[in-house]
Amino acid sequence: MSSDSCELLCLDLPQAEAVRALVPADDEIRPAAERAKALADPTRLRIARALAVGEELCVCDLAWVCSSSQNLVSHHVRQLRTAGLAASRRDGKLVMYRLTDTGRALLSLLLPEADPAVREG
């Protein structure tokens, strides 16, 4: 079998229609795809892992932990925030970042060994 497609058209219409009714349209699923895409970058994945471990960190801390420049980390953490995976708050002159519940859940799927609940169970 050299191809990934059927060599014969054999549509099971009732089953296909039942499944089709449960699969969201592109515009409905786009936000989930954007969240997944946000963690598809190794630097953002490392930043997210650092936030999971450190709970709340500023860009300076994240840059040190990830051995990256503050400008690069700032760019990536902004993308995590835009995707709804991280949140921020101002603390005087600092901006502190943390993972959202969605960010934690998605990170635990990608790095299950990093999730304390998975290690303990």
PDB file of N, CA and C in Angstrom:
ATOM      1  N   MET A   1       0.860  -1.177   0.000  1.00  0.00           N
ATOM      2  CA  MET A   1       0.000   0.000   0.000  1.00  0.00           C
ATOM      3  C   MET A   1       0.899   1.231   0.000  1.00  0.00           C
ATOM      4  N   SER A   2       0.988   1.871  -1.147  1.00  0.00           N
ATOM      5  CA  SER A   2       1.888   3.012  -1.281  1.00  0.00           C
ATOM      6  C   SER A   2       1.182   4.349  -1.095  1.00  0.00           C
ATOM      7  N   SER A   3      -0.135   4.354  -1.127  1.00  0.00           N
ATOM      8  CA  SER A   3      -0.879   5.600  -1.024  1.00  0.00           C
ATOM      9  C   SER A   3      -1.632   5.654   0.305  1.00  0.00           C
ATOM     10  N   ASP A   4      -1.901   6.876   0.757  1.00  0.00           N
ATOM     11  CA  ASP A   4      -2.658   7.060   1.988  1.00  0.00           C
ATOM     12  C   ASP A   4      -4.140   7.257   1.727  1.00  0.00           C
ATOM     13  N   SER A   5      -4.587   7.003   0.536  1.00  0.00           N
ATOM     14  CA  SER A   5      -6.006   7.160   0.224  1.00  0.00           C
ATOM     15  C   SER A   5      -6.580   5.852  -0.299  1.00  0.00           C
ATOM     16  N   CYS A   6      -7.892   5.749  -0.202  1.00  0.00           N
ATOM     17  CA  CYS A   6      -8.584   4.544  -0.664  1.00  0.00           C
ATOM     18  C   CYS A   6      -8.443   4.403  -2.178  1.00  0.00           C
ATOM     19  N   GLU A   7      -8.394   3.174  -2.626  1.00  0.00           N
ATOM     20  CA  GLU A   7      -8.376   2.909  -4.059  1.00  0.00           C
ATOM     21  C   GLU A   7      -9.781   2.668  -4.576  1.00  0.00           C
ATOM     22  N   LEU A   8     -10.747   2.626  -3.694  1.00  0.00           N
ATOM     23  CA  LEU A   8     -12.131   2.361  -4.046  1.00  0.00           C
ATOM     24  C   LEU A   8     -13.013   3.318  -3.257  1.00  0.00           C
ATOM     25  N   LEU A   9     -13.992   3.926  -3.879  1.00  0.00           N
ATOM     26  CA  LEU A   9     -14.927   4.801  -3.185  1.00  0.00           C
ATOM     27  C   LEU A   9     -15.935   3.925  -2.446  1.00  0.00           C
ATOM     28  N   CYS A  10     -15.910   3.996  -1.137  1.00  0.00           N
ATOM     29  CA  CYS A  10     -16.775   3.132  -0.327  1.00  0.00           C
ATOM     30  C   CYS A  10     -17.381   3.936   0.819  1.00  0.00           C
ATOM     31  N   LEU A  11     -18.094   4.980   0.522  1.00  0.00           N
ATOM     32  CA  LEU A  11     -18.643   5.892   1.518  1.00  0.00           C
ATOM     33  C   LEU A  11     -19.771   5.234   2.308  1.00  0.00           C
ATOM     34  N   ASP A  12     -19.617   5.209   3.625  1.00  0.00           N
ATOM     35  CA  ASP A  12     -20.688   4.763   4.516  1.00  0.00           C
ATOM     36  C   ASP A  12     -21.432   6.031   4.927  1.00  0.00           C
ATOM     37  N   LEU A  13     -22.384   6.442   4.111  1.00  0.00           N
ATOM     38  CA  LEU A  13     -23.037   7.731   4.262  1.00  0.00           C
ATOM     39  C   LEU A  13     -23.664   7.963   5.631  1.00  0.00           C
ATOM     40  N   PRO A  14     -24.399   7.028   6.210  1.00  0.00           N
ATOM     41  CA  PRO A  14     -24.968   7.288   7.542  1.00  0.00           C
ATOM     42  C   PRO A  14     -23.894   7.556   8.607  1.00  0.00           C
ATOM     43  N   GLN A  15     -22.845   6.744   8.593  1.00  0.00           N
ATOM     44  CA  GLN A  15     -21.771   6.958   9.577  1.00  0.00           C
ATOM     45  C   GLN A  15     -21.036   8.261   9.289  1.00  0.00           C
ATOM     46  N   ALA A  16     -20.715   8.515   8.041  1.00  0.00           N
ATOM     47  CA  ALA A  16     -19.995   9.733   7.682  1.00  0.00           C
ATOM     48  C   ALA A  16     -20.791  10.978   8.049  1.00  0.00           C
ATOM     49  N   GLU A  17     -22.088  10.970   7.816  1.00  0.00           N
ATOM     50  CA  GLU A  17     -22.938  12.116   8.160  1.00  0.00           C
ATOM     51  C   GLU A  17     -23.041  12.297   9.676  1.00  0.00           C
ATOM     52  N   ALA A  18     -23.115  11.193  10.419  1.00  0.00           N
ATOM     53  CA  ALA A  18     -23.174  11.278  11.885  1.00  0.00           C
ATOM     54  C   ALA A  18     -21.880  11.892  12.437  1.00  0.00           C
ATOM     55  N   VAL A  19     -20.756  11.473  11.901  1.00  0.00           N
ATOM     56  CA  VAL A  19     -19.468  12.026  12.327  1.00  0.00           C
ATOM     57  C   VAL A  19     -19.362  13.484  11.899  1.00  0.00           C
ATOM     58  N   ARG A  20     -19.750  13.772  10.662  1.00  0.00           N
ATOM     59  CA  ARG A  20     -19.676  15.141  10.140  1.00  0.00           C
ATOM     60  C   ARG A  20     -20.462  16.128  11.006  1.00  0.00           C
ATOM     61  N   ALA A  21     -21.592  15.682  11.527  1.00  0.00           N
ATOM     62  CA  ALA A  21     -22.423  16.548  12.365  1.00  0.00           C
ATOM     63  C   ALA A  21     -21.723  16.916  13.676  1.00  0.00           C
ATOM     64  N   LEU A  22     -20.766  16.100  14.102  1.00  0.00           N
ATOM     65  CA  LEU A  22     -20.069  16.336  15.369  1.00  0.00           C
ATOM     66  C   LEU A  22     -18.713  17.026  15.202  1.00  0.00           C
ATOM     67  N   VAL A  23     -18.267  17.209  13.975  1.00  0.00           N
ATOM     68  CA  VAL A  23     -16.979  17.853  13.717  1.00  0.00           C
ATOM     69  C   VAL A  23     -17.219  19.343  13.496  1.00  0.00           C
ATOM     70  N   PRO A  24     -16.566  20.190  14.298  1.00  0.00           N
ATOM     71  CA  PRO A  24     -16.794  21.638  14.172  1.00  0.00           C
ATOM     72  C   PRO A  24     -16.300  22.182  12.829  1.00  0.00           C
ATOM     73  N   ALA A  25     -16.917  23.261  12.398  1.00  0.00           N
ATOM     74  CA  ALA A  25     -16.488  23.958  11.180  1.00  0.00           C
ATOM     75  C   ALA A  25     -15.159  24.661  11.440  1.00  0.00           C
ATOM     76  N   ASP A  26     -14.475  25.020  10.369  1.00  0.00           N
ATOM     77  CA  ASP A  26     -13.167  25.675  10.496  1.00  0.00           C
ATOM     78  C   ASP A  26     -13.217  26.902  11.403  1.00  0.00           C
ATOM     79  N   ASP A  27     -14.214  27.758  11.227  1.00  0.00           N
ATOM     80  CA  ASP A  27     -14.266  28.978  12.032  1.00  0.00           C
ATOM     81  C   ASP A  27     -14.533  28.694  13.503  1.00  0.00           C
ATOM     82  N   GLU A  28     -15.160  27.575  13.808  1.00  0.00           N
ATOM     83  CA  GLU A  28     -15.410  27.213  15.202  1.00  0.00           C
ATOM     84  C   GLU A  28     -14.170  26.618  15.868  1.00  0.00           C
ATOM     85  N   ILE A  29     -13.328  25.971  15.100  1.00  0.00           N
ATOM     86  CA  ILE A  29     -12.173  25.267  15.658  1.00  0.00           C
ATOM     87  C   ILE A  29     -10.886  26.088  15.576  1.00  0.00           C
ATOM     88  N   ARG A  30     -10.949  27.203  14.848  1.00  0.00           N
ATOM     89  CA  ARG A  30      -9.758  28.038  14.659  1.00  0.00           C
ATOM     90  C   ARG A  30      -9.111  28.480  15.975  1.00  0.00           C
ATOM     91  N   PRO A  31      -9.856  28.927  17.006  1.00  0.00           N
ATOM     92  CA  PRO A  31      -9.191  29.327  18.260  1.00  0.00           C
ATOM     93  C   PRO A  31      -8.378  28.190  18.899  1.00  0.00           C
ATOM     94  N   ALA A  32      -8.879  26.973  18.840  1.00  0.00           N
ATOM     95  CA  ALA A  32      -8.125  25.839  19.390  1.00  0.00           C
ATOM     96  C   ALA A  32      -6.851  25.601  18.583  1.00  0.00           C
ATOM     97  N   ALA A  33      -6.944  25.745  17.264  1.00  0.00           N
ATOM     98  CA  ALA A  33      -5.766  25.570  16.418  1.00  0.00           C
ATOM     99  C   ALA A  33      -4.724  26.650  16.724  1.00  0.00           C
ATOM    100  N   GLU A  34      -5.175  27.867  16.969  1.00  0.00           N
ATOM    101  CA  GLU A  34      -4.248  28.956  17.308  1.00  0.00           C
ATOM    102  C   GLU A  34      -3.557  28.694  18.648  1.00  0.00           C
ATOM    103  N   ARG A  35      -4.298  28.163  19.612  1.00  0.00           N
ATOM    104  CA  ARG A  35      -3.682  27.830  20.906  1.00  0.00           C
ATOM    105  C   ARG A  35      -2.628  26.746  20.729  1.00  0.00           C
ATOM    106  N   ALA A  36      -2.955  25.727  19.951  1.00  0.00           N
ATOM    107  CA  ALA A  36      -1.996  24.647  19.711  1.00  0.00           C
ATOM    108  C   ALA A  36      -0.772  25.179  18.971  1.00  0.00           C
ATOM    109  N   LYS A  37      -0.992  26.056  18.007  1.00  0.00           N
ATOM    110  CA  LYS A  37       0.110  26.625  17.232  1.00  0.00           C
ATOM    111  C   LYS A  37       1.034  27.445  18.127  1.00  0.00           C
ATOM    112  N   ALA A  38       0.468  28.085  19.134  1.00  0.00           N
ATOM    113  CA  ALA A  38       1.285  28.917  20.026  1.00  0.00           C
ATOM    114  C   ALA A  38       2.330  28.091  20.771  1.00  0.00           C
ATOM    115  N   LEU A  39       2.045  26.832  21.045  1.00  0.00           N
ATOM    116  CA  LEU A  39       3.019  25.990  21.731  1.00  0.00           C
ATOM    117  C   LEU A  39       3.836  25.135  20.770  1.00  0.00           C
ATOM    118  N   ALA A  40       3.675  25.351  19.465  1.00  0.00           N
ATOM    119  CA  ALA A  40       4.416  24.573  18.481  1.00  0.00           C
ATOM    120  C   ALA A  40       5.854  25.069  18.304  1.00  0.00           C
ATOM    121  N   ASP A  41       6.181  26.199  18.900  1.00  0.00           N
ATOM    122  CA  ASP A  41       7.524  26.761  18.815  1.00  0.00           C
ATOM    123  C   ASP A  41       8.334  26.310  20.035  1.00  0.00           C
ATOM    124  N   PRO A  42       9.550  25.795  19.847  1.00  0.00           N
ATOM    125  CA  PRO A  42      10.339  25.307  20.989  1.00  0.00           C
ATOM    126  C   PRO A  42      10.597  26.368  22.060  1.00  0.00           C
ATOM    127  N   THR A  43      10.844  27.610  21.658  1.00  0.00           N
ATOM    128  CA  THR A  43      11.087  28.664  22.652  1.00  0.00           C
ATOM    129  C   THR A  43       9.834  28.923  23.472  1.00  0.00           C
ATOM    130  N   ARG A  44       8.680  29.009  22.820  1.00  0.00           N
ATOM    131  CA  ARG A  44       7.435  29.237  23.563  1.00  0.00           C
ATOM    132  C   ARG A  44       7.111  28.050  24.458  1.00  0.00           C
ATOM    133  N   LEU A  45       7.415  26.851  23.998  1.00  0.00           N
ATOM    134  CA  LEU A  45       7.177  25.667  24.821  1.00  0.00           C
ATOM    135  C   LEU A  45       8.061  25.698  26.064  1.00  0.00           C
ATOM    136  N   ARG A  46       9.311  26.111  25.910  1.00  0.00           N
ATOM    137  CA  ARG A  46      10.209  26.240  27.076  1.00  0.00           C
ATOM    138  C   ARG A  46       9.730  27.327  28.024  1.00  0.00           C
ATOM    139  N   ILE A  47       9.264  28.446  27.473  1.00  0.00           N
ATOM    140  CA  ILE A  47       8.741  29.534  28.304  1.00  0.00           C
ATOM    141  C   ILE A  47       7.519  29.049  29.081  1.00  0.00           C
ATOM    142  N   ALA A  48       6.641  28.349  28.400  1.00  0.00           N
ATOM    143  CA  ALA A  48       5.445  27.821  29.067  1.00  0.00           C
ATOM    144  C   ALA A  48       5.838  26.855  30.172  1.00  0.00           C
ATOM    145  N   ARG A  49       6.813  26.008  29.918  1.00  0.00           N
ATOM    146  CA  ARG A  49       7.282  25.075  30.952  1.00  0.00           C
ATOM    147  C   ARG A  49       7.873  25.841  32.134  1.00  0.00           C
ATOM    148  N   ALA A  50       8.629  26.896  31.852  1.00  0.00           N
ATOM    149  CA  ALA A  50       9.198  27.712  32.930  1.00  0.00           C
ATOM    150  C   ALA A  50       8.085  28.350  33.755  1.00  0.00           C
ATOM    151  N   LEU A  51       7.032  28.816  33.093  1.00  0.00           N
ATOM    152  CA  LEU A  51       5.907  29.411  33.820  1.00  0.00           C
ATOM    153  C   LEU A  51       5.172  28.357  34.643  1.00  0.00           C
ATOM    154  N   ALA A  52       5.101  27.142  34.139  1.00  0.00           N
ATOM    155  CA  ALA A  52       4.455  26.072  34.902  1.00  0.00           C
ATOM    156  C   ALA A  52       5.243  25.767  36.170  1.00  0.00           C
ATOM    157  N   VAL A  53       6.559  25.786  36.068  1.00  0.00           N
ATOM    158  CA  VAL A  53       7.412  25.497  37.221  1.00  0.00           C
ATOM    159  C   VAL A  53       7.466  26.687  38.168  1.00  0.00           C
ATOM    160  N   GLY A  54       7.682  27.880  37.611  1.00  0.00           N
ATOM    161  CA  GLY A  54       7.854  29.077  38.431  1.00  0.00           C
ATOM    162  C   GLY A  54       6.574  29.749  38.841  1.00  0.00           C
ATOM    163  N   GLU A  55       5.474  29.333  38.270  1.00  0.00           N
ATOM    164  CA  GLU A  55       4.135  29.846  38.518  1.00  0.00           C
ATOM    165  C   GLU A  55       3.925  31.271  38.037  1.00  0.00           C
ATOM    166  N   GLU A  56       4.792  32.202  38.401  1.00  0.00           N
ATOM    167  CA  GLU A  56       4.658  33.589  37.947  1.00  0.00           C
ATOM    168  C   GLU A  56       6.057  34.183  37.841  1.00  0.00           C
ATOM    169  N   LEU A  57       6.405  34.629  36.632  1.00  0.00           N
ATOM    170  CA  LEU A  57       7.744  35.147  36.381  1.00  0.00           C
ATOM    171  C   LEU A  57       7.673  36.386  35.496  1.00  0.00           C
ATOM    172  N   CYS A  58       8.660  37.254  35.636  1.00  0.00           N
ATOM    173  CA  CYS A  58       8.756  38.412  34.748  1.00  0.00           C
ATOM    174  C   CYS A  58       9.625  38.029  33.547  1.00  0.00           C
ATOM    175  N   VAL A  59       9.666  38.889  32.548  1.00  0.00           N
ATOM    176  CA  VAL A  59      10.434  38.622  31.335  1.00  0.00           C
ATOM    177  C   VAL A  59      11.918  38.451  31.658  1.00  0.00           C
ATOM    178  N   CYS A  60      12.415  39.222  32.605  1.00  0.00           N
ATOM    179  CA  CYS A  60      13.836  39.106  32.982  1.00  0.00           C
ATOM    180  C   CYS A  60      14.147  37.698  33.480  1.00  0.00           C
ATOM    181  N   ASP A  61      13.290  37.181  34.362  1.00  0.00           N
ATOM    182  CA  ASP A  61      13.474  35.824  34.877  1.00  0.00           C
ATOM    183  C   ASP A  61      13.361  34.792  33.760  1.00  0.00           C
ATOM    184  N   LEU A  62      12.348  34.960  32.913  1.00  0.00           N
ATOM    185  CA  LEU A  62      12.141  34.017  31.809  1.00  0.00           C
ATOM    186  C   LEU A  62      13.326  34.026  30.845  1.00  0.00           C
ATOM    187  N   ALA A  63      13.865  35.211  30.577  1.00  0.00           N
ATOM    188  CA  ALA A  63      15.018  35.309  29.684  1.00  0.00           C
ATOM    189  C   ALA A  63      16.216  34.562  30.269  1.00  0.00           C
ATOM    190  N   TRP A  64      16.422  34.703  31.561  1.00  0.00           N
ATOM    191  CA  TRP A  64      17.537  34.019  32.227  1.00  0.00           C
ATOM    192  C   TRP A  64      17.328  32.502  32.198  1.00  0.00           C
ATOM    193  N   VAL A  65      16.144  32.071  32.568  1.00  0.00           N
ATOM    194  CA  VAL A  65      15.835  30.638  32.611  1.00  0.00           C
ATOM    195  C   VAL A  65      15.986  29.999  31.231  1.00  0.00           C
ATOM    196  N   CYS A  66      15.521  30.692  30.190  1.00  0.00           N
ATOM    197  CA  CYS A  66      15.514  30.125  28.837  1.00  0.00           C
ATOM    198  C   CYS A  66      16.755  30.474  28.024  1.00  0.00           C
ATOM    199  N   SER A  67      17.702  31.182  28.649  1.00  0.00           N
ATOM    200  CA  SER A  67      18.941  31.592  27.961  1.00  0.00           C
ATOM    201  C   SER A  67      18.637  32.321  26.648  1.00  0.00           C
ATOM    202  N   SER A  68      17.703  33.246  26.716  1.00  0.00           N
ATOM    203  CA  SER A  68      17.297  34.020  25.546  1.00  0.00           C
ATOM    204  C   SER A  68      17.287  35.499  25.896  1.00  0.00           C
ATOM    205  N   SER A  69      17.239  36.325  24.873  1.00  0.00           N
ATOM    206  CA  SER A  69      17.184  37.766  25.124  1.00  0.00           C
ATOM    207  C   SER A  69      15.806  38.159  25.647  1.00  0.00           C
ATOM    208  N   GLN A  70      15.760  39.270  26.383  1.00  0.00           N
ATOM    209  CA  GLN A  70      14.484  39.759  26.897  1.00  0.00           C
ATOM    210  C   GLN A  70      13.537  40.126  25.758  1.00  0.00           C
ATOM    211  N   ASN A  71      14.072  40.685  24.663  1.00  0.00           N
ATOM    212  CA  ASN A  71      13.217  41.034  23.525  1.00  0.00           C
ATOM    213  C   ASN A  71      12.570  39.797  22.925  1.00  0.00           C
ATOM    214  N   LEU A  72      13.344  38.728  22.782  1.00  0.00           N
ATOM    215  CA  LEU A  72      12.805  37.497  22.216  1.00  0.00           C
ATOM    216  C   LEU A  72      11.749  36.904  23.142  1.00  0.00           C
ATOM    217  N   VAL A  73      12.042  36.844  24.426  1.00  0.00           N
ATOM    218  CA  VAL A  73      11.086  36.291  25.390  1.00  0.00           C
ATOM    219  C   VAL A  73       9.823  37.142  25.426  1.00  0.00           C
ATOM    220  N   SER A  74       9.986  38.454  25.405  1.00  0.00           N
ATOM    221  CA  SER A  74       8.829  39.350  25.414  1.00  0.00           C
ATOM    222  C   SER A  74       7.931  39.079  24.213  1.00  0.00           C
ATOM    223  N   HIS A  75       8.532  38.899  23.055  1.00  0.00           N
ATOM    224  CA  HIS A  75       7.777  38.587  21.837  1.00  0.00           C
ATOM    225  C   HIS A  75       7.006  37.271  22.004  1.00  0.00           C
ATOM    226  N   HIS A  76       7.672  36.241  22.503  1.00  0.00           N
ATOM    227  CA  HIS A  76       7.035  34.927  22.642  1.00  0.00           C
ATOM    228  C   HIS A  76       5.967  34.903  23.728  1.00  0.00           C
ATOM    229  N   VAL A  77       6.199  35.570  24.829  1.00  0.00           N
ATOM    230  CA  VAL A  77       5.203  35.563  25.902  1.00  0.00           C
ATOM    231  C   VAL A  77       3.962  36.357  25.471  1.00  0.00           C
ATOM    232  N   ARG A  78       4.165  37.360  24.631  1.00  0.00           N
ATOM    233  CA  ARG A  78       3.027  38.100  24.078  1.00  0.00           C
ATOM    234  C   ARG A  78       2.177  37.174  23.203  1.00  0.00           C
ATOM    235  N   GLN A  79       2.822  36.313  22.445  1.00  0.00           N
ATOM    236  CA  GLN A  79       2.081  35.362  21.614  1.00  0.00           C
ATOM    237  C   GLN A  79       1.328  34.349  22.475  1.00  0.00           C
ATOM    238  N   LEU A  80       1.933  33.909  23.562  1.00  0.00           N
ATOM    239  CA  LEU A  80       1.235  33.003  24.482  1.00  0.00           C
ATOM    240  C   LEU A  80       0.020  33.696  25.087  1.00  0.00           C
ATOM    241  N   ARG A  81       0.193  34.967  25.433  1.00  0.00           N
ATOM    242  CA  ARG A  81      -0.924  35.732  26.005  1.00  0.00           C
ATOM    243  C   ARG A  81      -2.034  35.928  24.974  1.00  0.00           C
ATOM    244  N   THR A  82      -1.674  36.273  23.750  1.00  0.00           N
ATOM    245  CA  THR A  82      -2.654  36.466  22.681  1.00  0.00           C
ATOM    246  C   THR A  82      -3.449  35.190  22.423  1.00  0.00           C
ATOM    247  N   ALA A  83      -2.790  34.041  22.542  1.00  0.00           N
ATOM    248  CA  ALA A  83      -3.447  32.748  22.328  1.00  0.00           C
ATOM    249  C   ALA A  83      -4.284  32.307  23.528  1.00  0.00           C
ATOM    250  N   GLY A  84      -4.224  33.071  24.623  1.00  0.00           N
ATOM    251  CA  GLY A  84      -4.995  32.715  25.809  1.00  0.00           C
ATOM    252  C   GLY A  84      -4.328  31.681  26.690  1.00  0.00           C
ATOM    253  N   LEU A  85      -3.038  31.433  26.466  1.00  0.00           N
ATOM    254  CA  LEU A  85      -2.317  30.432  27.247  1.00  0.00           C
ATOM    255  C   LEU A  85      -1.572  31.035  28.431  1.00  0.00           C
ATOM    256  N   ALA A  86      -1.356  32.332  28.395  1.00  0.00           N
ATOM    257  CA  ALA A  86      -0.685  33.035  29.491  1.00  0.00           C
ATOM    258  C   ALA A  86      -1.461  34.310  29.794  1.00  0.00           C
ATOM    259  N   ALA A  87      -1.294  34.773  31.016  1.00  0.00           N
ATOM    260  CA  ALA A  87      -1.922  36.023  31.448  1.00  0.00           C
ATOM    261  C   ALA A  87      -0.825  36.869  32.100  1.00  0.00           C
ATOM    262  N   SER A  88      -1.072  38.153  32.188  1.00  0.00           N
ATOM    263  CA  SER A  88      -0.076  39.034  32.784  1.00  0.00           C
ATOM    264  C   SER A  88      -0.742  40.006  33.741  1.00  0.00           C
ATOM    265  N   ARG A  89       0.090  40.537  34.637  1.00  0.00           N
ATOM    266  CA  ARG A  89      -0.359  41.589  35.544  1.00  0.00           C
ATOM    267  C   ARG A  89       0.827  42.492  35.814  1.00  0.00           C
ATOM    268  N   ARG A  90       0.540  43.761  35.999  1.00  0.00           N
ATOM    269  CA  ARG A  90       1.595  44.726  36.296  1.00  0.00           C
ATOM    270  C   ARG A  90       1.812  44.761  37.807  1.00  0.00           C
ATOM    271  N   ASP A  91       3.087  44.731  38.187  1.00  0.00           N
ATOM    272  CA  ASP A  91       3.480  44.819  39.587  1.00  0.00           C
ATOM    273  C   ASP A  91       4.535  45.922  39.663  1.00  0.00           C
ATOM    274  N   GLY A  92       4.064  47.169  39.844  1.00  0.00           N
ATOM    275  CA  GLY A  92       4.977  48.309  39.811  1.00  0.00           C
ATOM    276  C   GLY A  92       5.525  48.468  38.410  1.00  0.00           C
ATOM    277  N   LYS A  93       6.853  48.370  38.278  1.00  0.00           N
ATOM    278  CA  LYS A  93       7.483  48.495  36.966  1.00  0.00           C
ATOM    279  C   LYS A  93       7.637  47.146  36.267  1.00  0.00           C
ATOM    280  N   LEU A  94       7.264  46.071  36.925  1.00  0.00           N
ATOM    281  CA  LEU A  94       7.392  44.735  36.357  1.00  0.00           C
ATOM    282  C   LEU A  94       6.069  44.268  35.773  1.00  0.00           C
ATOM    283  N   VAL A  95       6.152  43.423  34.769  1.00  0.00           N
ATOM    284  CA  VAL A  95       4.982  42.719  34.252  1.00  0.00           C
ATOM    285  C   VAL A  95       5.218  41.247  34.542  1.00  0.00           C
ATOM    286  N   MET A  96       4.328  40.674  35.308  1.00  0.00           N
ATOM    287  CA  MET A  96       4.441  39.279  35.723  1.00  0.00           C
ATOM    288  C   MET A  96       3.537  38.413  34.851  1.00  0.00           C
ATOM    289  N   TYR A  97       4.075  37.269  34.420  1.00  0.00           N
ATOM    290  CA  TYR A  97       3.333  36.348  33.563  1.00  0.00           C
ATOM    291  C   TYR A  97       3.085  35.033  34.280  1.00  0.00           C
ATOM    292  N   ARG A  98       1.957  34.418  33.938  1.00  0.00           N
ATOM    293  CA  ARG A  98       1.608  33.102  34.478  1.00  0.00           C
ATOM    294  C   ARG A  98       0.803  32.367  33.418  1.00  0.00           C
ATOM    295  N   LEU A  99       0.776  31.052  33.504  1.00  0.00           N
ATOM    296  CA  LEU A  99      -0.049  30.273  32.584  1.00  0.00           C
ATOM    297  C   LEU A  99      -1.506  30.360  33.001  1.00  0.00           C
ATOM    298  N   THR A 100      -2.387  30.359  32.028  1.00  0.00           N
ATOM    299  CA  THR A 100      -3.822  30.248  32.321  1.00  0.00           C
ATOM    300  C   THR A 100      -4.139  28.765  32.531  1.00  0.00           C
ATOM    301  N   ASP A 101      -5.338  28.477  32.980  1.00  0.00           N
ATOM    302  CA  ASP A 101      -5.746  27.084  33.127  1.00  0.00           C
ATOM    303  C   ASP A 101      -5.662  26.357  31.784  1.00  0.00           C
ATOM    304  N   THR A 102      -6.056  27.042  30.718  1.00  0.00           N
ATOM    305  CA  THR A 102      -5.969  26.454  29.374  1.00  0.00           C
ATOM    306  C   THR A 102      -4.516  26.180  29.014  1.00  0.00           C
ATOM    307  N   GLY A 103      -3.639  27.112  29.333  1.00  0.00           N
ATOM    308  CA  GLY A 103      -2.213  26.932  29.065  1.00  0.00           C
ATOM    309  C   GLY A 103      -1.642  25.750  29.807  1.00  0.00           C
ATOM    310  N   ARG A 104      -2.018  25.610  31.076  1.00  0.00           N
ATOM    311  CA  ARG A 104      -1.548  24.461  31.877  1.00  0.00           C
ATOM    312  C   ARG A 104      -2.054  23.144  31.298  1.00  0.00           C
ATOM    313  N   ALA A 105      -3.324  23.126  30.917  1.00  0.00           N
ATOM    314  CA  ALA A 105      -3.917  21.896  30.379  1.00  0.00           C
ATOM    315  C   ALA A 105      -3.235  21.488  29.075  1.00  0.00           C
ATOM    316  N   LEU A 106      -3.036  22.440  28.177  1.00  0.00           N
ATOM    317  CA  LEU A 106      -2.405  22.120  26.900  1.00  0.00           C
ATOM    318  C   LEU A 106      -0.950  21.713  27.095  1.00  0.00           C
ATOM    319  N   LEU A 107      -0.246  22.393  27.979  1.00  0.00           N
ATOM    320  CA  LEU A 107       1.147  22.039  28.258  1.00  0.00           C
ATOM    321  C   LEU A 107       1.242  20.632  28.828  1.00  0.00           C
ATOM    322  N   SER A 108       0.324  20.257  29.696  1.00  0.00           N
ATOM    323  CA  SER A 108       0.377  18.918  30.291  1.00  0.00           C
ATOM    324  C   SER A 108       0.115  17.830  29.254  1.00  0.00           C
ATOM    325  N   LEU A 109      -0.608  18.162  28.185  1.00  0.00           N
ATOM    326  CA  LEU A 109      -0.803  17.198  27.099  1.00  0.00           C
ATOM    327  C   LEU A 109       0.470  17.037  26.272  1.00  0.00           C
ATOM    328  N   LEU A 110       1.181  18.142  26.069  1.00  0.00           N
ATOM    329  CA  LEU A 110       2.392  18.101  25.257  1.00  0.00           C
ATOM    330  C   LEU A 110       3.594  17.572  26.029  1.00  0.00           C
ATOM    331  N   LEU A 111       3.663  17.896  27.296  1.00  0.00           N
ATOM    332  CA  LEU A 111       4.779  17.459  28.152  1.00  0.00           C
ATOM    333  C   LEU A 111       4.222  16.751  29.388  1.00  0.00           C
ATOM    334  N   PRO A 112       3.630  15.566  29.216  1.00  0.00           N
ATOM    335  CA  PRO A 112       2.989  14.914  30.371  1.00  0.00           C
ATOM    336  C   PRO A 112       3.979  14.612  31.503  1.00  0.00           C
ATOM    337  N   GLU A 113       5.256  14.397  31.166  1.00  0.00           N
ATOM    338  CA  GLU A 113       6.252  14.120  32.202  1.00  0.00           C
ATOM    339  C   GLU A 113       6.516  15.337  33.067  1.00  0.00           C
ATOM    340  N   ALA A 114       6.125  16.507  32.597  1.00  0.00           N
ATOM    341  CA  ALA A 114       6.336  17.746  33.338  1.00  0.00           C
ATOM    342  C   ALA A 114       5.185  18.049  34.290  1.00  0.00           C
ATOM    343  N   ASP A 115       4.084  17.325  34.165  1.00  0.00           N
ATOM    344  CA  ASP A 115       2.910  17.561  34.989  1.00  0.00           C
ATOM    345  C   ASP A 115       3.046  16.767  36.294  1.00  0.00           C
ATOM    346  N   PRO A 116       3.102  17.458  37.462  1.00  0.00           N
ATOM    347  CA  PRO A 116       3.259  16.756  38.733  1.00  0.00           C
ATOM    348  C   PRO A 116       2.165  15.711  38.971  1.00  0.00           C
ATOM    349  N   ALA A 117       0.956  15.978  38.528  1.00  0.00           N
ATOM    350  CA  ALA A 117      -0.139  15.032  38.734  1.00  0.00           C
ATOM    351  C   ALA A 117       0.115  13.741  37.958  1.00  0.00           C
ATOM    352  N   VAL A 118       0.722  13.849  36.794  1.00  0.00           N
ATOM    353  CA  VAL A 118       1.013  12.660  35.989  1.00  0.00           C
ATOM    354  C   VAL A 118       2.136  11.856  36.634  1.00  0.00           C
ATOM    355  N   ARG A 119       3.160  12.542  37.155  1.00  0.00           N
ATOM    356  CA  ARG A 119       4.291  11.857  37.788  1.00  0.00           C
ATOM    357  C   ARG A 119       3.869  11.128  39.044  1.00  0.00           C
ATOM    358  N   GLU A 120       2.953  11.724  39.823  1.00  0.00           N
ATOM    359  CA  GLU A 120       2.536  11.114  41.086  1.00  0.00           C
ATOM    360  C   GLU A 120       1.603   9.931  40.857  1.00  0.00           C
ATOM    361  N   GLY A 121       0.786  10.001  39.778  1.00  0.00           N
ATOM    362  CA  GLY A 121      -0.221   8.974  39.515  1.00  0.00           C
ATOM    363  C   GLY A 121       0.358   7.822  38.852  1.00  0.00           C
TER     364      GLY A 121
END
